[in-house]
Amino acid sequence: QVQLVESGGGLVQAGGSLRVSCAASGSIFSINVMGWYRQAPGKQRESVALISSSGNTNYADSVKGRFTISRDNAKNTVYLQMNSLKPEDTAVYYCYARVVIVDTHFERTYWGQGTQVTVSS
């Protein structure tokens, strides 16, 4: 019913920048929350940054001041600008969205397929 398609991951040196994007499509009435989680090898998936439909944001302490989340509600797209990247930011980054479905008006959670971000030292 809803698809999340990520783009923009890759390999960057420590101190560099990357921007990842995620576009949602399908049976969308509205999207309450969009954001990014990440999972490093051998670790649990963790929240990185979230943004509400009104623009309220929440960041993990480890990325505050370095990452910026934004969204374009008209395009159902969320962005994560990552600056001053560190090797410990290396992970698979997953897009996350809490979507109100057209047919039922129920809220469901969706995940993207993940995009690899690798930061070399």
N, C-alpha and C. Protein backbone atom coordinates (compact mmCIF):
# COMPACT_ATOMS: atom_id res chain seq x y z
N GLN A 1 0.82 -1.21 0.00
CA GLN A 1 0.00 0.00 0.00
C GLN A 1 0.85 1.26 0.00
N VAL A 2 1.93 1.24 0.78
CA VAL A 2 2.82 2.39 0.86
C VAL A 2 4.25 1.91 0.66
N GLN A 3 4.99 2.63 -0.13
CA GLN A 3 6.39 2.31 -0.36
C GLN A 3 7.26 3.48 0.06
N LEU A 4 8.40 3.16 0.67
CA LEU A 4 9.40 4.15 1.03
C LEU A 4 10.65 3.83 0.24
N VAL A 5 11.13 4.78 -0.55
CA VAL A 5 12.31 4.55 -1.38
C VAL A 5 13.39 5.54 -0.98
N GLU A 6 14.51 4.98 -0.52
CA GLU A 6 15.63 5.79 -0.05
C GLU A 6 16.66 5.97 -1.15
N SER A 7 17.42 7.04 -1.02
CA SER A 7 18.53 7.27 -1.93
C SER A 7 19.56 8.13 -1.23
N GLY A 8 20.79 8.09 -1.73
CA GLY A 8 21.80 9.03 -1.27
C GLY A 8 22.86 8.50 -0.35
N GLY A 9 22.82 7.24 0.01
CA GLY A 9 23.88 6.72 0.86
C GLY A 9 25.19 6.59 0.09
N GLY A 10 26.23 6.14 0.77
CA GLY A 10 27.49 5.93 0.09
C GLY A 10 28.66 5.94 1.04
N LEU A 11 29.84 6.14 0.46
CA LEU A 11 31.09 6.14 1.20
C LEU A 11 31.65 7.54 1.27
N VAL A 12 32.05 7.95 2.46
CA VAL A 12 32.60 9.29 2.64
C VAL A 12 33.70 9.22 3.69
N GLN A 13 34.64 10.14 3.60
CA GLN A 13 35.69 10.20 4.61
C GLN A 13 35.20 10.91 5.87
N ALA A 14 35.83 10.60 6.97
CA ALA A 14 35.48 11.26 8.23
C ALA A 14 35.59 12.77 8.05
N GLY A 15 34.59 13.46 8.60
CA GLY A 15 34.53 14.91 8.46
C GLY A 15 33.72 15.37 7.27
N GLY A 16 33.38 14.44 6.40
CA GLY A 16 32.62 14.78 5.21
C GLY A 16 31.13 14.84 5.45
N SER A 17 30.38 15.01 4.36
CA SER A 17 28.94 15.17 4.43
C SER A 17 28.24 14.26 3.43
N LEU A 18 27.04 13.87 3.78
CA LEU A 18 26.16 13.13 2.89
C LEU A 18 24.74 13.57 3.15
N ARG A 19 23.89 13.44 2.14
CA ARG A 19 22.47 13.66 2.33
C ARG A 19 21.72 12.43 1.83
N VAL A 20 20.85 11.91 2.67
CA VAL A 20 19.99 10.81 2.26
C VAL A 20 18.55 11.31 2.17
N SER A 21 17.82 10.73 1.24
CA SER A 21 16.44 11.13 1.00
C SER A 21 15.54 9.91 1.02
N CYS A 22 14.28 10.14 1.31
CA CYS A 22 13.30 9.05 1.32
C CYS A 22 11.97 9.60 0.84
N ALA A 23 11.46 8.99 -0.22
CA ALA A 23 10.18 9.41 -0.78
C ALA A 23 9.14 8.34 -0.53
N ALA A 24 8.01 8.75 -0.01
CA ALA A 24 6.90 7.84 0.24
C ALA A 24 5.86 7.97 -0.86
N SER A 25 5.30 6.82 -1.24
CA SER A 25 4.26 6.84 -2.26
C SER A 25 3.25 5.73 -1.97
N GLY A 26 2.06 5.86 -2.56
CA GLY A 26 1.03 4.84 -2.37
C GLY A 26 -0.24 5.44 -1.81
N SER A 27 -0.93 4.64 -1.00
CA SER A 27 -2.24 5.01 -0.47
C SER A 27 -2.11 5.89 0.78
N ILE A 28 -1.60 7.10 0.56
CA ILE A 28 -1.27 7.99 1.67
C ILE A 28 -2.34 9.07 1.82
N PHE A 29 -2.95 9.12 2.99
CA PHE A 29 -3.83 10.24 3.33
C PHE A 29 -3.01 11.35 3.94
N SER A 30 -2.15 10.98 4.89
CA SER A 30 -1.23 11.94 5.50
C SER A 30 -0.10 11.15 6.16
N ILE A 31 0.95 11.84 6.48
CA ILE A 31 2.08 11.22 7.17
C ILE A 31 2.34 11.98 8.46
N ASN A 32 2.14 11.32 9.57
CA ASN A 32 2.28 12.01 10.85
C ASN A 32 3.74 12.26 11.21
N VAL A 33 4.55 11.22 11.10
CA VAL A 33 5.96 11.30 11.48
C VAL A 33 6.80 10.64 10.39
N MET A 34 7.90 11.26 10.03
CA MET A 34 8.90 10.65 9.17
C MET A 34 10.24 10.74 9.87
N GLY A 35 11.13 9.85 9.49
CA GLY A 35 12.43 9.94 10.12
C GLY A 35 13.38 8.86 9.67
N TRP A 36 14.46 8.75 10.43
CA TRP A 36 15.54 7.84 10.11
C TRP A 36 15.98 7.07 11.34
N TYR A 37 16.17 5.80 11.14
CA TYR A 37 16.82 4.93 12.10
C TYR A 37 18.09 4.41 11.45
N ARG A 38 18.97 3.85 12.26
CA ARG A 38 20.17 3.22 11.70
C ARG A 38 20.52 1.97 12.51
N GLN A 39 21.20 1.09 11.82
CA GLN A 39 21.65 -0.15 12.47
C GLN A 39 23.05 -0.47 12.01
N ALA A 40 23.96 -0.48 12.96
CA ALA A 40 25.35 -0.86 12.70
C ALA A 40 25.51 -2.36 12.93
N PRO A 41 26.53 -2.96 12.33
CA PRO A 41 26.73 -4.41 12.52
C PRO A 41 26.85 -4.78 13.99
N GLY A 42 26.08 -5.76 14.40
CA GLY A 42 26.13 -6.24 15.77
C GLY A 42 25.42 -5.37 16.77
N LYS A 43 24.73 -4.34 16.30
CA LYS A 43 24.04 -3.43 17.22
C LYS A 43 22.55 -3.40 16.91
N GLN A 44 21.78 -2.91 17.88
CA GLN A 44 20.35 -2.76 17.67
C GLN A 44 20.06 -1.53 16.81
N ARG A 45 18.92 -1.58 16.14
CA ARG A 45 18.48 -0.42 15.38
C ARG A 45 18.16 0.72 16.35
N GLU A 46 18.60 1.92 16.01
CA GLU A 46 18.38 3.06 16.89
C GLU A 46 17.81 4.24 16.11
N SER A 47 17.05 5.05 16.81
CA SER A 47 16.49 6.25 16.21
C SER A 47 17.58 7.29 16.02
N VAL A 48 17.60 7.91 14.87
CA VAL A 48 18.57 8.96 14.57
C VAL A 48 17.90 10.34 14.62
N ALA A 49 16.84 10.49 13.85
CA ALA A 49 16.14 11.77 13.79
C ALA A 49 14.71 11.54 13.31
N LEU A 50 13.80 12.30 13.91
CA LEU A 50 12.38 12.21 13.54
C LEU A 50 11.84 13.61 13.34
N ILE A 51 10.82 13.73 12.48
CA ILE A 51 10.20 15.02 12.25
C ILE A 51 8.70 14.82 12.07
N SER A 52 7.93 15.66 12.75
CA SER A 52 6.49 15.57 12.65
C SER A 52 5.99 16.34 11.44
N SER A 53 4.71 16.20 11.18
CA SER A 53 4.13 16.91 10.03
C SER A 53 4.17 18.43 10.23
N SER A 54 4.24 18.87 11.48
CA SER A 54 4.30 20.31 11.75
C SER A 54 5.72 20.82 11.84
N GLY A 55 6.69 19.90 11.72
CA GLY A 55 8.09 20.32 11.71
C GLY A 55 8.84 20.17 13.01
N ASN A 56 8.19 19.63 14.02
CA ASN A 56 8.91 19.37 15.27
C ASN A 56 9.91 18.23 15.05
N THR A 57 11.10 18.40 15.59
CA THR A 57 12.17 17.43 15.37
C THR A 57 12.68 16.83 16.67
N ASN A 58 13.26 15.66 16.53
CA ASN A 58 13.88 14.97 17.66
C ASN A 58 15.12 14.27 17.14
N TYR A 59 16.25 14.47 17.83
CA TYR A 59 17.51 13.90 17.40
C TYR A 59 18.12 13.04 18.49
N ALA A 60 18.83 12.01 18.07
CA ALA A 60 19.66 11.26 19.00
C ALA A 60 20.78 12.17 19.49
N ASP A 61 21.18 12.01 20.74
CA ASP A 61 22.23 12.86 21.30
C ASP A 61 23.51 12.76 20.47
N SER A 62 23.77 11.60 19.93
CA SER A 62 25.02 11.37 19.20
C SER A 62 25.12 12.15 17.89
N VAL A 63 23.99 12.65 17.39
CA VAL A 63 24.02 13.35 16.10
C VAL A 63 23.62 14.83 16.21
N LYS A 64 23.22 15.26 17.39
CA LYS A 64 22.80 16.65 17.57
C LYS A 64 23.92 17.59 17.17
N GLY A 65 23.56 18.61 16.40
CA GLY A 65 24.55 19.59 15.96
C GLY A 65 25.27 19.19 14.69
N ARG A 66 25.12 17.94 14.27
CA ARG A 66 25.79 17.47 13.05
C ARG A 66 24.78 17.09 11.96
N PHE A 67 23.66 16.53 12.35
CA PHE A 67 22.65 16.08 11.39
C PHE A 67 21.45 17.02 11.44
N THR A 68 20.82 17.19 10.28
CA THR A 68 19.61 18.00 10.19
C THR A 68 18.57 17.24 9.38
N ILE A 69 17.39 17.09 9.98
CA ILE A 69 16.29 16.43 9.28
C ILE A 69 15.31 17.48 8.79
N SER A 70 14.76 17.24 7.61
CA SER A 70 13.76 18.14 7.05
C SER A 70 12.79 17.30 6.21
N ARG A 71 11.66 17.90 5.90
CA ARG A 71 10.70 17.17 5.06
C ARG A 71 9.96 18.13 4.15
N ASP A 72 9.53 17.58 3.03
CA ASP A 72 8.70 18.31 2.08
C ASP A 72 7.36 17.60 2.07
N ASN A 73 6.38 18.16 2.75
CA ASN A 73 5.08 17.50 2.88
C ASN A 73 4.39 17.33 1.53
N ALA A 74 4.57 18.27 0.64
CA ALA A 74 3.93 18.18 -0.67
C ALA A 74 4.47 17.00 -1.48
N LYS A 75 5.72 16.63 -1.21
CA LYS A 75 6.35 15.53 -1.95
C LYS A 75 6.42 14.25 -1.12
N ASN A 76 5.91 14.30 0.11
CA ASN A 76 6.01 13.14 1.01
C ASN A 76 7.44 12.63 1.10
N THR A 77 8.35 13.55 1.23
CA THR A 77 9.77 13.21 1.22
C THR A 77 10.45 13.76 2.47
N VAL A 78 11.35 12.95 3.02
CA VAL A 78 12.14 13.37 4.17
C VAL A 78 13.62 13.30 3.79
N TYR A 79 14.38 14.24 4.34
CA TYR A 79 15.80 14.34 4.05
C TYR A 79 16.58 14.29 5.37
N LEU A 80 17.79 13.78 5.28
CA LEU A 80 18.70 13.83 6.41
C LEU A 80 20.05 14.32 5.90
N GLN A 81 20.39 15.53 6.29
CA GLN A 81 21.69 16.10 5.95
C GLN A 81 22.66 15.73 7.07
N MET A 82 23.72 15.04 6.71
CA MET A 82 24.69 14.56 7.70
C MET A 82 26.03 15.25 7.46
N ASN A 83 26.45 16.04 8.42
CA ASN A 83 27.71 16.76 8.35
C ASN A 83 28.66 16.24 9.42
N SER A 84 29.93 16.56 9.25
CA SER A 84 30.96 16.16 10.23
C SER A 84 30.83 14.67 10.57
N LEU A 85 30.73 13.87 9.56
CA LEU A 85 30.51 12.45 9.77
C LEU A 85 31.70 11.78 10.44
N LYS A 86 31.39 10.80 11.27
CA LYS A 86 32.39 10.07 12.02
C LYS A 86 32.31 8.58 11.65
N PRO A 87 33.39 7.85 11.82
CA PRO A 87 33.34 6.41 11.53
C PRO A 87 32.21 5.69 12.28
N GLU A 88 31.91 6.16 13.48
CA GLU A 88 30.84 5.52 14.25
C GLU A 88 29.45 5.80 13.70
N ASP A 89 29.35 6.66 12.69
CA ASP A 89 28.06 6.86 12.00
C ASP A 89 27.81 5.79 10.94
N THR A 90 28.81 4.96 10.69
CA THR A 90 28.66 3.90 9.70
C THR A 90 27.55 2.94 10.11
N ALA A 91 26.59 2.76 9.20
CA ALA A 91 25.44 1.91 9.49
C ALA A 91 24.56 1.84 8.24
N VAL A 92 23.58 0.97 8.30
CA VAL A 92 22.49 1.00 7.33
C VAL A 92 21.42 1.95 7.88
N TYR A 93 21.06 2.92 7.08
CA TYR A 93 20.09 3.92 7.49
C TYR A 93 18.73 3.57 6.88
N TYR A 94 17.73 3.49 7.75
CA TYR A 94 16.37 3.09 7.34
C TYR A 94 15.42 4.27 7.48
N CYS A 95 14.68 4.50 6.43
CA CYS A 95 13.61 5.49 6.47
C CYS A 95 12.41 4.90 7.23
N TYR A 96 11.71 5.77 7.93
CA TYR A 96 10.59 5.37 8.79
C TYR A 96 9.46 6.36 8.59
N ALA A 97 8.25 5.85 8.51
CA ALA A 97 7.12 6.76 8.36
C ALA A 97 5.89 6.18 9.04
N ARG A 98 5.17 7.02 9.74
CA ARG A 98 3.87 6.65 10.33
C ARG A 98 2.81 7.30 9.44
N VAL A 99 2.14 6.45 8.68
CA VAL A 99 1.28 6.91 7.60
C VAL A 99 -0.18 6.64 7.92
N VAL A 100 -1.02 7.64 7.68
CA VAL A 100 -2.46 7.44 7.74
C VAL A 100 -2.91 7.01 6.35
N ILE A 101 -3.53 5.82 6.29
CA ILE A 101 -3.89 5.21 5.01
C ILE A 101 -5.20 5.79 4.50
N VAL A 102 -5.28 5.94 3.19
CA VAL A 102 -6.46 6.55 2.57
C VAL A 102 -7.73 5.78 2.91
N ASP A 103 -7.72 4.45 2.72
CA ASP A 103 -8.95 3.67 2.82
C ASP A 103 -9.53 3.67 4.23
N THR A 104 -8.66 3.43 5.21
CA THR A 104 -9.13 3.17 6.57
C THR A 104 -8.93 4.35 7.51
N HIS A 105 -8.06 5.25 7.16
CA HIS A 105 -7.64 6.34 8.04
C HIS A 105 -6.97 5.81 9.30
N PHE A 106 -6.52 4.55 9.25
CA PHE A 106 -5.73 4.01 10.33
C PHE A 106 -4.27 4.39 10.09
N GLU A 107 -3.51 4.52 11.17
CA GLU A 107 -2.08 4.82 11.06
C GLU A 107 -1.30 3.51 11.06
N ARG A 108 -0.38 3.39 10.12
CA ARG A 108 0.50 2.22 10.07
C ARG A 108 1.93 2.69 9.94
N THR A 109 2.86 1.87 10.40
CA THR A 109 4.28 2.18 10.33
C THR A 109 4.91 1.46 9.15
N TYR A 110 5.71 2.19 8.39
CA TYR A 110 6.40 1.61 7.24
C TYR A 110 7.90 1.89 7.34
N TRP A 111 8.66 0.99 6.73
CA TRP A 111 10.12 1.10 6.71
C TRP A 111 10.62 1.03 5.28
N GLY A 112 11.69 1.77 5.00
CA GLY A 112 12.38 1.62 3.74
C GLY A 112 13.28 0.41 3.76
N GLN A 113 13.92 0.16 2.61
CA GLN A 113 14.75 -1.02 2.48
C GLN A 113 16.15 -0.82 3.08
N GLY A 114 16.50 0.40 3.36
CA GLY A 114 17.79 0.71 3.95
C GLY A 114 18.81 1.16 2.93
N THR A 115 19.66 2.07 3.34
CA THR A 115 20.75 2.54 2.48
C THR A 115 22.02 2.59 3.32
N GLN A 116 23.10 2.08 2.76
CA GLN A 116 24.35 1.97 3.50
C GLN A 116 25.08 3.32 3.51
N VAL A 117 25.50 3.71 4.70
CA VAL A 117 26.38 4.88 4.87
C VAL A 117 27.66 4.37 5.52
N THR A 118 28.78 4.60 4.86
CA THR A 118 30.06 4.15 5.38
C THR A 118 30.99 5.35 5.49
N VAL A 119 31.54 5.55 6.69
CA VAL A 119 32.45 6.66 6.94
C VAL A 119 33.82 6.08 7.24
N SER A 120 34.77 6.41 6.40
CA SER A 120 36.13 5.88 6.58
C SER A 120 36.96 6.85 7.41
N SER A 121 37.87 6.28 8.17
CA SER A 121 38.71 7.12 9.05
C SER A 121 39.98 7.57 8.35
